[in-house]
Every structure is written in C-alpha cells, then in structure tokens.
Amino acid sequence: MKKQKFALALFFLLPSIFCFSQNEERPFPQSWEGKWSGLIEIFKDTGKVQTLPMQLHILPIDSAAVPSWTWTIIYGEDQESGKRPYELVTLDATKGHYMIDEKNSIKMEGYFIGGQFYQWFEVQGNRLLIRADKVGASIVWEIVVGGTRPVSTTGDSTFDNEEIPPVLTYEIGTVQRALLSRR
C-alpha cells in the first residue's frame, strides 16, 4: 500500500517538477532576448526636459565565433537615424564580463552583477553609468551622466587621531530612465 501511494504521488509530482525545471530563468543575456520598447525620460536639475521613444533589441547572433547578441538601441521616432546597431559579446560569462562593440572601433566592457548589467565609462569630459535591470516582464534602463572634474574634495585630514582619506564628489548633470516592455 505504501508503495502504491508513493508511486501515485510520484506520478502526479513528476510533471510539475519537469515543468518547473523547464521554466527556470535562463541566464543573461538569453533571458533578456527580445525586442523591447518604451519611453525614455530625460531629467536635469530643473525636472523632466524630454521624453522620446526607445527600443532595445537583444537577439542572438548565430554566426558569431563567440556567444554574441545584437544590442541595438533605437532612440526617437526615426528608426534609421536613431539606430545604434551595437553587439553584446561574451568575454567571460562566469565572471559576468561582456563587451559592447559599437562597430566603429569603440568597444566598452560591461558587467552583469547582481542580476543587473552595468557599464561605466568616460567620453568627452563626461562620466556615464549605464544600468539595465530586468524586473519581471520589463527592463529598467538608466543612464547617469556627470562631469569628470570633482565639484568638491573633503576629508584629507586627521580626525580623532585617524587619517581620513580625500573624498571627491562629482556632479550629476542628467539622468535618463526608461521602462521597456517586450514587444
């Protein structure tokens, strides 16, 4: 009788175990694949200054020598002039180390850490931090832009017999944020 109950329980339990294992989240970037779209809002210290359409296309590139995906970003209504046809290349997936290849001699590392994809770089006197986070059925895309020159330096002293290191603070000039949904 115990064997029959066990067999019966196993009979009903196995399909749900199989379905659960089939529906587990795939790793990055496979679990992010698709065409995403939404509105990106641009903020300055005065408030929201602009809103425009944004798309992010993450699609596998089967012909690539190393695991790669499209990382096409489209800003604005004009699908052609607003298109940035980049490529996401795997450098070391176990370390969350990737690269965005802009296909114009610019190649920037990106890091998948804690379920989020980050890039941090400097260009033309600006430091940019890009963060993409897949939250449920959406991707939250955020770009923080600021200068490379510190606006203040504090510390760099002795306080209660403890050496305090210098702390440099940087201005944040613009924040761009989008909530993208899979199309």
Protein backbone atom coordinates (compact mmCIF):
# COMPACT_ATOMS: atom_id res chain seq x y z
CA MET A 1 0.00 0.00 0.00
CA LYS A 2 2.84 2.42 0.85
CA LYS A 3 4.50 1.65 -2.50
CA GLN A 4 1.25 2.42 -4.34
CA LYS A 5 0.84 5.77 -2.54
CA PHE A 6 4.47 6.64 -3.27
CA ALA A 7 4.08 5.67 -6.95
CA LEU A 8 0.85 7.65 -7.17
CA ALA A 9 2.44 10.71 -5.55
CA LEU A 10 5.44 10.40 -7.87
CA PHE A 11 3.11 10.11 -10.88
CA PHE A 12 1.43 13.43 -10.02
CA LEU A 13 4.59 15.16 -8.83
CA LEU A 14 6.91 14.39 -11.77
CA PRO A 15 5.06 16.50 -14.36
CA SER A 16 5.16 19.54 -12.09
CA ILE A 17 8.88 19.02 -11.34
CA PHE A 18 9.56 18.68 -15.07
CA CYS A 19 7.56 21.83 -15.87
CA PHE A 20 9.32 23.76 -13.10
CA SER A 21 12.76 22.84 -14.40
CA GLN A 22 11.73 23.76 -17.95
CA ASN A 23 10.52 27.21 -16.84
CA GLU A 24 13.57 28.19 -14.81
CA GLU A 25 15.04 31.54 -15.77
CA ARG A 26 17.70 31.27 -18.43
CA PRO A 27 20.99 33.06 -17.78
CA PHE A 28 21.89 36.53 -19.01
CA PRO A 29 21.66 37.52 -21.81
CA GLN A 30 19.45 34.66 -23.06
CA SER A 31 16.73 35.55 -20.56
CA TRP A 32 16.78 39.14 -21.85
CA GLU A 33 16.39 38.21 -25.53
CA GLY A 34 13.71 40.03 -27.46
CA LYS A 35 12.66 43.40 -28.78
CA TRP A 36 11.94 45.85 -26.00
CA SER A 37 10.30 49.27 -26.31
CA GLY A 38 9.06 52.13 -24.18
CA LEU A 39 9.66 55.78 -23.45
CA ILE A 40 12.90 57.23 -22.15
CA GLU A 41 12.58 60.27 -19.92
CA ILE A 42 15.47 62.72 -19.55
CA PHE A 43 15.84 64.69 -16.32
CA LYS A 44 18.07 67.60 -15.31
CA ASP A 45 18.10 69.58 -12.09
CA THR A 46 15.13 71.58 -13.44
CA GLY A 47 12.98 68.45 -13.89
CA LYS A 48 11.98 66.39 -16.90
CA VAL A 49 13.27 68.01 -20.09
CA GLN A 50 12.43 65.41 -22.73
CA THR A 51 10.54 62.18 -23.41
CA LEU A 52 11.10 60.08 -26.51
CA PRO A 53 10.55 56.53 -27.74
CA MET A 54 13.30 53.99 -27.10
CA GLN A 55 13.85 50.41 -28.23
CA LEU A 56 16.42 47.81 -27.23
CA HIS A 57 16.80 44.70 -29.40
CA ILE A 58 18.72 41.80 -27.87
CA LEU A 59 18.79 38.94 -30.36
CA PRO A 60 21.23 36.02 -30.68
CA ILE A 61 23.83 36.15 -33.45
CA ASP A 62 24.21 32.54 -34.56
CA SER A 63 27.13 33.14 -36.91
CA ALA A 64 29.38 34.73 -34.25
CA ALA A 65 32.62 32.96 -33.26
CA VAL A 66 31.93 33.65 -29.56
CA PRO A 67 28.48 33.93 -27.96
CA SER A 68 27.11 37.28 -29.14
CA TRP A 69 23.83 39.16 -29.36
CA THR A 70 22.59 42.27 -31.09
CA TRP A 71 22.41 45.18 -28.66
CA THR A 72 20.57 47.57 -30.93
CA ILE A 73 19.37 50.77 -29.29
CA ILE A 74 16.91 52.99 -31.15
CA TYR A 75 16.15 56.49 -29.83
CA GLY A 76 13.29 58.58 -31.23
CA GLU A 77 10.67 58.13 -33.91
CA ASP A 78 13.09 57.82 -36.84
CA GLN A 79 14.05 54.13 -36.80
CA GLU A 80 17.10 54.68 -39.04
CA SER A 81 18.73 57.89 -37.78
CA GLY A 82 18.13 56.92 -34.14
CA LYS A 83 19.55 53.41 -34.55
CA ARG A 84 22.76 52.31 -32.79
CA PRO A 85 23.47 48.76 -34.07
CA TYR A 86 25.81 47.54 -31.34
CA GLU A 87 26.77 43.98 -30.44
CA LEU A 88 26.97 42.34 -27.00
CA VAL A 89 29.94 39.94 -26.90
CA THR A 90 30.62 37.44 -24.13
CA LEU A 91 34.14 37.79 -22.70
CA ASP A 92 33.74 35.60 -19.59
CA ALA A 93 30.15 34.68 -18.66
CA THR A 94 31.25 33.04 -15.38
CA LYS A 95 32.57 36.44 -14.24
CA GLY A 96 29.69 38.40 -15.80
CA HIS A 97 32.17 40.11 -18.14
CA TYR A 98 30.83 41.28 -21.51
CA MET A 99 31.66 43.89 -24.12
CA ILE A 100 29.52 46.25 -26.15
CA ASP A 101 31.08 46.55 -29.60
CA GLU A 102 29.85 49.72 -31.30
CA LYS A 103 31.30 48.53 -34.64
CA ASN A 104 33.26 51.78 -35.07
CA SER A 105 36.47 50.99 -33.09
CA ILE A 106 34.72 51.68 -29.75
CA LYS A 107 34.48 48.60 -27.54
CA MET A 108 33.38 49.02 -23.92
CA GLU A 109 33.28 46.45 -21.17
CA GLY A 110 30.04 45.71 -19.40
CA TYR A 111 29.42 43.70 -16.24
CA PHE A 112 26.44 41.57 -15.24
CA ILE A 113 26.43 41.74 -11.44
CA GLY A 114 23.57 41.02 -9.04
CA GLY A 115 21.09 40.50 -11.87
CA GLN A 116 21.86 43.87 -13.47
CA PHE A 117 24.01 44.89 -16.44
CA TYR A 118 26.37 47.83 -15.88
CA GLN A 119 28.68 49.95 -17.99
CA TRP A 120 30.81 52.77 -16.62
CA PHE A 121 32.86 54.89 -18.97
CA GLU A 122 34.10 58.36 -19.76
CA VAL A 123 33.75 60.26 -23.02
CA GLN A 124 34.30 63.92 -23.92
CA GLY A 125 34.58 65.14 -20.33
CA ASN A 126 31.56 63.17 -19.12
CA ARG A 127 31.36 60.06 -16.98
CA LEU A 128 28.42 57.76 -17.74
CA LEU A 129 26.99 54.96 -15.64
CA ILE A 130 24.52 52.76 -17.51
CA ARG A 131 22.41 50.27 -15.57
CA ALA A 132 19.92 47.84 -17.06
CA ASP A 133 17.79 45.74 -14.74
CA LYS A 134 15.25 43.11 -15.81
CA VAL A 135 12.37 43.45 -13.38
CA GLY A 136 9.57 40.98 -14.03
CA ALA A 137 8.47 41.44 -17.64
CA SER A 138 10.29 44.79 -18.06
CA ILE A 139 13.77 46.21 -18.39
CA VAL A 140 14.54 49.35 -16.43
CA TRP A 141 17.20 51.27 -18.35
CA GLU A 142 19.03 54.12 -16.64
CA ILE A 143 21.90 56.37 -17.65
CA VAL A 144 23.51 58.73 -15.13
CA VAL A 145 25.72 61.42 -16.70
CA GLY A 146 28.10 63.74 -14.89
CA GLY A 147 31.39 65.53 -15.25
CA THR A 148 34.85 64.10 -14.62
CA ARG A 149 36.09 67.02 -12.55
CA PRO A 150 35.26 66.93 -8.84
CA VAL A 151 32.96 69.64 -7.51
CA SER A 152 34.36 69.23 -4.01
CA THR A 153 37.06 67.44 -2.06
CA THR A 154 36.65 66.79 1.65
CA GLY A 155 38.46 64.67 4.18
CA ASP A 156 42.22 64.50 3.52
CA SER A 157 42.87 65.23 7.17
CA THR A 158 43.40 63.77 10.61
CA PHE A 159 40.32 63.47 12.81
CA ASP A 160 40.45 61.97 16.33
CA ASN A 161 43.92 60.56 15.52
CA GLU A 162 42.56 58.79 12.42
CA GLU A 163 43.83 59.54 8.93
CA ILE A 164 40.85 60.45 6.76
CA PRO A 165 41.38 59.93 3.01
CA PRO A 166 40.35 62.55 0.49
CA VAL A 167 36.79 62.11 -0.83
CA LEU A 168 36.00 63.63 -4.20
CA THR A 169 32.38 64.40 -5.12
CA TYR A 170 31.17 64.62 -8.71
CA GLU A 171 28.24 66.49 -10.20
CA ILE A 172 25.33 64.59 -11.76
CA GLY A 173 24.00 66.59 -14.67
CA THR A 174 21.49 64.31 -16.36
CA VAL A 175 19.55 61.15 -15.59
CA GLN A 176 17.82 59.20 -18.34
CA ARG A 177 15.34 56.47 -17.41
CA ALA A 178 13.16 54.12 -19.44
CA LEU A 179 10.79 51.29 -18.64
CA LEU A 180 10.94 48.89 -21.59
CA SER A 181 8.45 46.10 -22.29
CA ARG A 182 8.91 43.14 -24.60
CA ARG A 183 7.08 43.65 -27.89
